[in-house]
Structures are given as C-alpha cells and as structure tokens.
Amino acid sequence: REPLIIDSIKTELFDYLGGVCKELESQPIIVGG
C-alpha cells in the first residue's frame, strides 16, 4: 500500500487500465482510486 500513484500520473494510469480492459473486450465503466 505504498502511496505511489501520484497526482501527475493518476489520470493517465486510470485511462491506461481502462484501455487494457477495452483491448480484452471487457468494457470499462469507470476506473478510479
């Protein structure tokens, strides 16, 4: 639980995770944290 998801990368990371879901035909509804 290291606090490594810093603000400068957060939105891009969430978008990336959603993109992986899409590539795997698993439609993302929301990614956050």
PDB file of all heavy atoms in Angstrom:
ATOM      1  N   ARG A   1       0.809  -1.209   0.000  1.00  0.00           N
ATOM      2  CA  ARG A   1       0.000   0.000   0.000  1.00  0.00           C
ATOM      3  C   ARG A   1       0.853   1.274   0.000  1.00  0.00           C
ATOM      4  O   ARG A   1       0.522   2.275   0.616  1.00  0.00           O
ATOM      5  CB  ARG A   1      -1.001  -0.028   1.153  1.00  0.00           C
ATOM      6  CG  ARG A   1      -2.087  -1.061   0.890  1.00  0.00           C
ATOM      7  CD  ARG A   1      -2.796  -1.577   2.114  1.00  0.00           C
ATOM      8  NE  ARG A   1      -1.970  -2.006   3.226  1.00  0.00           N
ATOM      9  CZ  ARG A   1      -1.256  -3.142   3.268  1.00  0.00           C
ATOM     10  NH1 ARG A   1      -1.244  -3.947   2.254  1.00  0.00           N
ATOM     11  NH2 ARG A   1      -0.560  -3.463   4.335  1.00  0.00           N
ATOM     12  N   GLU A   2       1.954   1.214  -0.737  1.00  0.00           N
ATOM     13  CA  GLU A   2       2.819   2.387  -0.881  1.00  0.00           C
ATOM     14  C   GLU A   2       2.083   3.458  -1.682  1.00  0.00           C
ATOM     15  O   GLU A   2       1.443   3.149  -2.690  1.00  0.00           O
ATOM     16  CB  GLU A   2       4.122   2.015  -1.609  1.00  0.00           C
ATOM     17  CG  GLU A   2       5.019   1.082  -0.829  1.00  0.00           C
ATOM     18  CD  GLU A   2       5.645   1.744   0.380  1.00  0.00           C
ATOM     19  OE1 GLU A   2       5.890   2.968   0.343  1.00  0.00           O
ATOM     20  OE2 GLU A   2       5.886   1.030   1.368  1.00  0.00           O
ATOM     21  N   PRO A   3       2.164   4.725  -1.288  1.00  0.00           N
ATOM     22  CA  PRO A   3       1.439   5.807  -1.981  1.00  0.00           C
ATOM     23  C   PRO A   3       2.156   6.252  -3.263  1.00  0.00           C
ATOM     24  O   PRO A   3       2.632   7.381  -3.373  1.00  0.00           O
ATOM     25  CB  PRO A   3       1.410   6.917  -0.931  1.00  0.00           C
ATOM     26  CG  PRO A   3       2.647   6.692  -0.123  1.00  0.00           C
ATOM     27  CD  PRO A   3       2.847   5.200  -0.091  1.00  0.00           C
ATOM     28  N   LEU A   4       2.208   5.368  -4.236  1.00  0.00           N
ATOM     29  CA  LEU A   4       2.977   5.609  -5.457  1.00  0.00           C
ATOM     30  C   LEU A   4       2.162   6.139  -6.625  1.00  0.00           C
ATOM     31  O   LEU A   4       2.720   6.530  -7.650  1.00  0.00           O
ATOM     32  CB  LEU A   4       3.694   4.322  -5.872  1.00  0.00           C
ATOM     33  CG  LEU A   4       4.697   3.764  -4.852  1.00  0.00           C
ATOM     34  CD1 LEU A   4       5.218   2.404  -5.307  1.00  0.00           C
ATOM     35  CD2 LEU A   4       5.835   4.744  -4.640  1.00  0.00           C
ATOM     36  N   ILE A   5       0.846   6.132  -6.505  1.00  0.00           N
ATOM     37  CA  ILE A   5       0.005   6.638  -7.589  1.00  0.00           C
ATOM     38  C   ILE A   5      -0.175   8.136  -7.345  1.00  0.00           C
ATOM     39  O   ILE A   5      -1.151   8.586  -6.748  1.00  0.00           O
ATOM     40  CB  ILE A   5      -1.345   5.896  -7.658  1.00  0.00           C
ATOM     41  CG1 ILE A   5      -1.121   4.390  -7.764  1.00  0.00           C
ATOM     42  CG2 ILE A   5      -2.168   6.399  -8.837  1.00  0.00           C
ATOM     43  CD1 ILE A   5      -2.384   3.559  -7.616  1.00  0.00           C
ATOM     44  N   ILE A   6       0.813   8.890  -7.799  1.00  0.00           N
ATOM     45  CA  ILE A   6       0.828  10.336  -7.536  1.00  0.00           C
ATOM     46  C   ILE A   6      -0.066  11.065  -8.534  1.00  0.00           C
ATOM     47  O   ILE A   6      -0.390  10.540  -9.607  1.00  0.00           O
ATOM     48  CB  ILE A   6       2.269  10.886  -7.546  1.00  0.00           C
ATOM     49  CG1 ILE A   6       2.955  10.618  -8.888  1.00  0.00           C
ATOM     50  CG2 ILE A   6       3.080  10.267  -6.398  1.00  0.00           C
ATOM     51  CD1 ILE A   6       4.349  11.210  -9.004  1.00  0.00           C
ATOM     52  N   ASP A   7      -0.461  12.272  -8.156  1.00  0.00           N
ATOM     53  CA  ASP A   7      -1.419  13.031  -8.965  1.00  0.00           C
ATOM     54  C   ASP A   7      -0.981  13.209 -10.409  1.00  0.00           C
ATOM     55  O   ASP A   7      -1.807  13.170 -11.317  1.00  0.00           O
ATOM     56  CB  ASP A   7      -1.691  14.397  -8.329  1.00  0.00           C
ATOM     57  CG  ASP A   7      -2.533  14.286  -7.065  1.00  0.00           C
ATOM     58  OD1 ASP A   7      -3.208  13.249  -6.879  1.00  0.00           O
ATOM     59  OD2 ASP A   7      -2.516  15.235  -6.256  1.00  0.00           O
ATOM     60  N   SER A   8       0.320  13.379 -10.642  1.00  0.00           N
ATOM     61  CA  SER A   8       0.799  13.642 -12.002  1.00  0.00           C
ATOM     62  C   SER A   8       0.602  12.458 -12.947  1.00  0.00           C
ATOM     63  O   SER A   8       0.622  12.632 -14.165  1.00  0.00           O
ATOM     64  CB  SER A   8       2.275  14.049 -11.972  1.00  0.00           C
ATOM     65  OG  SER A   8       3.071  12.980 -11.490  1.00  0.00           O
ATOM     66  N   ILE A   9       0.392  11.274 -12.408  1.00  0.00           N
ATOM     67  CA  ILE A   9       0.262  10.072 -13.232  1.00  0.00           C
ATOM     68  C   ILE A   9      -1.132   9.431 -13.121  1.00  0.00           C
ATOM     69  O   ILE A   9      -1.508   8.583 -13.934  1.00  0.00           O
ATOM     70  CB  ILE A   9       1.363   9.042 -12.848  1.00  0.00           C
ATOM     71  CG1 ILE A   9       1.521   7.965 -13.924  1.00  0.00           C
ATOM     72  CG2 ILE A   9       1.069   8.371 -11.535  1.00  0.00           C
ATOM     73  CD1 ILE A   9       2.317   8.418 -15.077  1.00  0.00           C
ATOM     74  N   LYS A  10      -1.903   9.847 -12.132  1.00  0.00           N
ATOM     75  CA  LYS A  10      -3.163   9.183 -11.791  1.00  0.00           C
ATOM     76  C   LYS A  10      -4.138   9.060 -12.966  1.00  0.00           C
ATOM     77  O   LYS A  10      -4.575   7.960 -13.301  1.00  0.00           O
ATOM     78  CB  LYS A  10      -3.821   9.928 -10.629  1.00  0.00           C
ATOM     79  CG  LYS A  10      -4.907   9.155  -9.942  1.00  0.00           C
ATOM     80  CD  LYS A  10      -5.462   9.925  -8.760  1.00  0.00           C
ATOM     81  CE  LYS A  10      -4.445   9.953  -7.658  1.00  0.00           C
ATOM     82  NZ  LYS A  10      -4.933  10.609  -6.446  1.00  0.00           N
ATOM     83  N   THR A  11      -4.469  10.166 -13.599  1.00  0.00           N
ATOM     84  CA  THR A  11      -5.454  10.131 -14.681  1.00  0.00           C
ATOM     85  C   THR A  11      -4.971   9.273 -15.842  1.00  0.00           C
ATOM     86  O   THR A  11      -5.724   8.472 -16.405  1.00  0.00           O
ATOM     87  CB  THR A  11      -5.761  11.557 -15.176  1.00  0.00           C
ATOM     88  OG1 THR A  11      -6.283  12.309 -14.076  1.00  0.00           O
ATOM     89  CG2 THR A  11      -6.775  11.555 -16.299  1.00  0.00           C
ATOM     90  N   GLU A  12      -3.696   9.418 -16.177  1.00  0.00           N
ATOM     91  CA  GLU A  12      -3.134   8.630 -17.270  1.00  0.00           C
ATOM     92  C   GLU A  12      -3.138   7.136 -16.940  1.00  0.00           C
ATOM     93  O   GLU A  12      -3.422   6.294 -17.795  1.00  0.00           O
ATOM     94  CB  GLU A  12      -1.717   9.119 -17.576  1.00  0.00           C
ATOM     95  CG  GLU A  12      -1.215   8.714 -18.928  1.00  0.00           C
ATOM     96  CD  GLU A  12       0.140   9.313 -19.262  1.00  0.00           C
ATOM     97  OE1 GLU A  12       0.683  10.124 -18.494  1.00  0.00           O
ATOM     98  OE2 GLU A  12       0.673   8.927 -20.321  1.00  0.00           O
ATOM     99  N   LEU A  13      -2.836   6.790 -15.684  1.00  0.00           N
ATOM    100  CA  LEU A  13      -2.869   5.392 -15.260  1.00  0.00           C
ATOM    101  C   LEU A  13      -4.288   4.840 -15.351  1.00  0.00           C
ATOM    102  O   LEU A  13      -4.497   3.739 -15.869  1.00  0.00           O
ATOM    103  CB  LEU A  13      -2.341   5.236 -13.830  1.00  0.00           C
ATOM    104  CG  LEU A  13      -2.491   3.844 -13.210  1.00  0.00           C
ATOM    105  CD1 LEU A  13      -1.696   2.796 -13.993  1.00  0.00           C
ATOM    106  CD2 LEU A  13      -2.075   3.862 -11.746  1.00  0.00           C
ATOM    107  N   PHE A  14      -5.259   5.587 -14.882  1.00  0.00           N
ATOM    108  CA  PHE A  14      -6.646   5.126 -14.934  1.00  0.00           C
ATOM    109  C   PHE A  14      -7.079   4.911 -16.391  1.00  0.00           C
ATOM    110  O   PHE A  14      -7.740   3.924 -16.712  1.00  0.00           O
ATOM    111  CB  PHE A  14      -7.577   6.107 -14.237  1.00  0.00           C
ATOM    112  CG  PHE A  14      -7.333   6.264 -12.757  1.00  0.00           C
ATOM    113  CD1 PHE A  14      -7.861   7.347 -12.079  1.00  0.00           C
ATOM    114  CD2 PHE A  14      -6.559   5.364 -12.033  1.00  0.00           C
ATOM    115  CE1 PHE A  14      -7.653   7.513 -10.720  1.00  0.00           C
ATOM    116  CE2 PHE A  14      -6.332   5.527 -10.675  1.00  0.00           C
ATOM    117  CZ  PHE A  14      -6.888   6.606 -10.019  1.00  0.00           C
ATOM    118  N   ASP A  15      -6.688   5.834 -17.266  1.00  0.00           N
ATOM    119  CA  ASP A  15      -7.004   5.682 -18.689  1.00  0.00           C
ATOM    120  C   ASP A  15      -6.318   4.441 -19.267  1.00  0.00           C
ATOM    121  O   ASP A  15      -6.905   3.721 -20.074  1.00  0.00           O
ATOM    122  CB  ASP A  15      -6.578   6.922 -19.475  1.00  0.00           C
ATOM    123  CG  ASP A  15      -7.446   8.139 -19.201  1.00  0.00           C
ATOM    124  OD1 ASP A  15      -8.549   7.980 -18.625  1.00  0.00           O
ATOM    125  OD2 ASP A  15      -7.011   9.254 -19.551  1.00  0.00           O
ATOM    126  N   TYR A  16      -5.085   4.204 -18.851  1.00  0.00           N
ATOM    127  CA  TYR A  16      -4.340   3.044 -19.342  1.00  0.00           C
ATOM    128  C   TYR A  16      -5.036   1.750 -18.912  1.00  0.00           C
ATOM    129  O   TYR A  16      -5.216   0.840 -19.729  1.00  0.00           O
ATOM    130  CB  TYR A  16      -2.899   3.082 -18.823  1.00  0.00           C
ATOM    131  CG  TYR A  16      -2.037   2.009 -19.424  1.00  0.00           C
ATOM    132  CD1 TYR A  16      -1.354   2.226 -20.620  1.00  0.00           C
ATOM    133  CD2 TYR A  16      -1.921   0.764 -18.820  1.00  0.00           C
ATOM    134  CE1 TYR A  16      -0.578   1.225 -21.188  1.00  0.00           C
ATOM    135  CE2 TYR A  16      -1.146  -0.240 -19.380  1.00  0.00           C
ATOM    136  CZ  TYR A  16      -0.476   0.003 -20.568  1.00  0.00           C
ATOM    137  OH  TYR A  16       0.283  -0.997 -21.128  1.00  0.00           O
ATOM    138  N   LEU A  17      -5.418   1.674 -17.640  1.00  0.00           N
ATOM    139  CA  LEU A  17      -6.109   0.484 -17.146  1.00  0.00           C
ATOM    140  C   LEU A  17      -7.416   0.259 -17.904  1.00  0.00           C
ATOM    141  O   LEU A  17      -7.748  -0.871 -18.273  1.00  0.00           O
ATOM    142  CB  LEU A  17      -6.369   0.600 -15.641  1.00  0.00           C
ATOM    143  CG  LEU A  17      -5.131   0.521 -14.746  1.00  0.00           C
ATOM    144  CD1 LEU A  17      -5.459   0.982 -13.329  1.00  0.00           C
ATOM    145  CD2 LEU A  17      -4.540  -0.874 -14.737  1.00  0.00           C
ATOM    146  N   GLY A  18      -8.156   1.333 -18.145  1.00  0.00           N
ATOM    147  CA  GLY A  18      -9.382   1.219 -18.935  1.00  0.00           C
ATOM    148  C   GLY A  18      -9.108   0.737 -20.344  1.00  0.00           C
ATOM    149  O   GLY A  18      -9.864  -0.056 -20.901  1.00  0.00           O
ATOM    150  N   GLY A  19      -7.992   1.192 -20.925  1.00  0.00           N
ATOM    151  CA  GLY A  19      -7.606   0.758 -22.266  1.00  0.00           C
ATOM    152  C   GLY A  19      -7.282  -0.726 -22.319  1.00  0.00           C
ATOM    153  O   GLY A  19      -7.629  -1.408 -23.286  1.00  0.00           O
ATOM    154  N   VAL A  20      -6.624  -1.246 -21.281  1.00  0.00           N
ATOM    155  CA  VAL A  20      -6.338  -2.683 -21.220  1.00  0.00           C
ATOM    156  C   VAL A  20      -7.650  -3.460 -21.169  1.00  0.00           C
ATOM    157  O   VAL A  20      -7.808  -4.472 -21.867  1.00  0.00           O
ATOM    158  CB  VAL A  20      -5.427  -3.035 -20.024  1.00  0.00           C
ATOM    159  CG1 VAL A  20      -5.276  -4.541 -19.877  1.00  0.00           C
ATOM    160  CG2 VAL A  20      -4.049  -2.373 -20.173  1.00  0.00           C
ATOM    161  N   CYS A  21      -8.586  -2.987 -20.372  1.00  0.00           N
ATOM    162  CA  CYS A  21      -9.903  -3.650 -20.315  1.00  0.00           C
ATOM    163  C   CYS A  21     -10.549  -3.684 -21.700  1.00  0.00           C
ATOM    164  O   CYS A  21     -11.043  -4.729 -22.138  1.00  0.00           O
ATOM    165  CB  CYS A  21     -10.822  -2.924 -19.336  1.00  0.00           C
ATOM    166  SG  CYS A  21     -10.463  -3.213 -17.597  1.00  0.00           S
ATOM    167  N   LYS A  22     -10.523  -2.548 -22.392  1.00  0.00           N
ATOM    168  CA  LYS A  22     -11.124  -2.486 -23.732  1.00  0.00           C
ATOM    169  C   LYS A  22     -10.464  -3.470 -24.681  1.00  0.00           C
ATOM    170  O   LYS A  22     -11.152  -4.145 -25.456  1.00  0.00           O
ATOM    171  CB  LYS A  22     -10.989  -1.072 -24.304  1.00  0.00           C
ATOM    172  CG  LYS A  22     -11.967  -0.082 -23.751  1.00  0.00           C
ATOM    173  CD  LYS A  22     -11.767   1.276 -24.403  1.00  0.00           C
ATOM    174  CE  LYS A  22     -12.594   2.325 -23.711  1.00  0.00           C
ATOM    175  NZ  LYS A  22     -12.323   3.672 -24.232  1.00  0.00           N
ATOM    176  N   GLU A  23      -9.132  -3.539 -24.646  1.00  0.00           N
ATOM    177  CA  GLU A  23      -8.412  -4.470 -25.517  1.00  0.00           C
ATOM    178  C   GLU A  23      -8.838  -5.912 -25.258  1.00  0.00           C
ATOM    179  O   GLU A  23      -8.788  -6.748 -26.159  1.00  0.00           O
ATOM    180  CB  GLU A  23      -6.906  -4.348 -25.309  1.00  0.00           C
ATOM    181  CG  GLU A  23      -6.296  -3.115 -25.913  1.00  0.00           C
ATOM    182  CD  GLU A  23      -4.802  -3.017 -25.654  1.00  0.00           C
ATOM    183  OE1 GLU A  23      -4.167  -4.051 -25.332  1.00  0.00           O
ATOM    184  OE2 GLU A  23      -4.271  -1.903 -25.770  1.00  0.00           O
ATOM    185  N   LEU A  24      -9.247  -6.196 -24.034  1.00  0.00           N
ATOM    186  CA  LEU A  24      -9.665  -7.539 -23.653  1.00  0.00           C
ATOM    187  C   LEU A  24     -11.183  -7.700 -23.740  1.00  0.00           C
ATOM    188  O   LEU A  24     -11.755  -8.622 -23.165  1.00  0.00           O
ATOM    189  CB  LEU A  24      -9.149  -7.863 -22.253  1.00  0.00           C
ATOM    190  CG  LEU A  24      -7.616  -7.827 -22.129  1.00  0.00           C
ATOM    191  CD1 LEU A  24      -7.186  -7.957 -20.674  1.00  0.00           C
ATOM    192  CD2 LEU A  24      -6.981  -8.909 -22.992  1.00  0.00           C
ATOM    193  N   GLU A  25     -11.824  -6.777 -24.449  1.00  0.00           N
ATOM    194  CA  GLU A  25     -13.268  -6.792 -24.689  1.00  0.00           C
ATOM    195  C   GLU A  25     -14.089  -6.783 -23.400  1.00  0.00           C
ATOM    196  O   GLU A  25     -15.195  -7.330 -23.346  1.00  0.00           O
ATOM    197  CB  GLU A  25     -13.651  -7.980 -25.573  1.00  0.00           C
ATOM    198  CG  GLU A  25     -12.995  -7.948 -26.943  1.00  0.00           C
ATOM    199  CD  GLU A  25     -13.361  -9.133 -27.807  1.00  0.00           C
ATOM    200  OE1 GLU A  25     -14.521  -9.600 -27.724  1.00  0.00           O
ATOM    201  OE2 GLU A  25     -12.487  -9.596 -28.566  1.00  0.00           O
ATOM    202  N   SER A  26     -13.533  -6.167 -22.378  1.00  0.00           N
ATOM    203  CA  SER A  26     -14.227  -6.011 -21.094  1.00  0.00           C
ATOM    204  C   SER A  26     -14.452  -4.518 -20.899  1.00  0.00           C
ATOM    205  O   SER A  26     -13.556  -3.794 -20.459  1.00  0.00           O
ATOM    206  CB  SER A  26     -13.387  -6.593 -19.959  1.00  0.00           C
ATOM    207  OG  SER A  26     -13.290  -7.996 -20.107  1.00  0.00           O
ATOM    208  N   GLN A  27     -15.626  -4.064 -21.286  1.00  0.00           N
ATOM    209  CA  GLN A  27     -15.927  -2.641 -21.361  1.00  0.00           C
ATOM    210  C   GLN A  27     -15.805  -1.960 -19.993  1.00  0.00           C
ATOM    211  O   GLN A  27     -16.538  -2.284 -19.060  1.00  0.00           O
ATOM    212  CB  GLN A  27     -17.338  -2.439 -21.908  1.00  0.00           C
ATOM    213  CG  GLN A  27     -17.695  -1.007 -22.176  1.00  0.00           C
ATOM    214  CD  GLN A  27     -16.773  -0.353 -23.210  1.00  0.00           C
ATOM    215  OE1 GLN A  27     -16.363  -0.958 -24.177  1.00  0.00           O
ATOM    216  NE2 GLN A  27     -16.445   0.896 -22.969  1.00  0.00           N
ATOM    217  N   PRO A  28     -14.864  -1.008 -19.860  1.00  0.00           N
ATOM    218  CA  PRO A  28     -14.740  -0.296 -18.588  1.00  0.00           C
ATOM    219  C   PRO A  28     -15.887   0.703 -18.420  1.00  0.00           C
ATOM    220  O   PRO A  28     -16.315   1.334 -19.394  1.00  0.00           O
ATOM    221  CB  PRO A  28     -13.397   0.435 -18.729  1.00  0.00           C
ATOM    222  CG  PRO A  28     -13.219   0.623 -20.191  1.00  0.00           C
ATOM    223  CD  PRO A  28     -13.880  -0.576 -20.841  1.00  0.00           C
ATOM    224  N   ILE A  29     -16.378   0.818 -17.218  1.00  0.00           N
ATOM    225  CA  ILE A  29     -17.407   1.794 -16.897  1.00  0.00           C
ATOM    226  C   ILE A  29     -16.763   2.974 -16.189  1.00  0.00           C
ATOM    227  O   ILE A  29     -17.013   4.123 -16.519  1.00  0.00           O
ATOM    228  CB  ILE A  29     -18.525   1.148 -16.054  1.00  0.00           C
ATOM    229  CG1 ILE A  29     -19.197   0.065 -16.901  1.00  0.00           C
ATOM    230  CG2 ILE A  29     -19.525   2.185 -15.570  1.00  0.00           C
ATOM    231  CD1 ILE A  29     -20.055  -0.887 -16.139  1.00  0.00           C
ATOM    232  N   ILE A  30     -15.879   2.679 -15.229  1.00  0.00           N
ATOM    233  CA  ILE A  30     -15.114   3.720 -14.553  1.00  0.00           C
ATOM    234  C   ILE A  30     -13.876   3.078 -13.926  1.00  0.00           C
ATOM    235  O   ILE A  30     -13.914   1.922 -13.497  1.00  0.00           O
ATOM    236  CB  ILE A  30     -15.957   4.449 -13.467  1.00  0.00           C
ATOM    237  CG1 ILE A  30     -15.188   5.652 -12.914  1.00  0.00           C
ATOM    238  CG2 ILE A  30     -16.409   3.500 -12.373  1.00  0.00           C
ATOM    239  CD1 ILE A  30     -16.038   6.577 -12.034  1.00  0.00           C
ATOM    240  N   VAL A  31     -12.801   3.848 -13.916  1.00  0.00           N
ATOM    241  CA  VAL A  31     -11.574   3.461 -13.242  1.00  0.00           C
ATOM    242  C   VAL A  31     -11.207   4.633 -12.340  1.00  0.00           C
ATOM    243  O   VAL A  31     -11.245   5.784 -12.761  1.00  0.00           O
ATOM    244  CB  VAL A  31     -10.429   3.182 -14.236  1.00  0.00           C
ATOM    245  CG1 VAL A  31      -9.157   2.789 -13.490  1.00  0.00           C
ATOM    246  CG2 VAL A  31     -10.819   2.105 -15.235  1.00  0.00           C
ATOM    247  N   GLY A  32     -10.881   4.333 -11.099  1.00  0.00           N
ATOM    248  CA  GLY A  32     -10.522   5.395 -10.165  1.00  0.00           C
ATOM    249  C   GLY A  32      -9.703   4.846  -9.022  1.00  0.00           C
ATOM    250  O   GLY A  32      -9.291   3.682  -9.034  1.00  0.00           O
ATOM    251  N   GLY A  33      -9.483   5.677  -8.049  1.00  0.00           N
ATOM    252  CA  GLY A  33      -8.721   5.254  -6.891  1.00  0.00           C
ATOM    253  C   GLY A  33      -7.979   6.412  -6.267  1.00  0.00           C
ATOM    254  O   GLY A  33      -8.247   7.579  -6.567  1.00  0.00           O
TER     255      GLY A  33
END
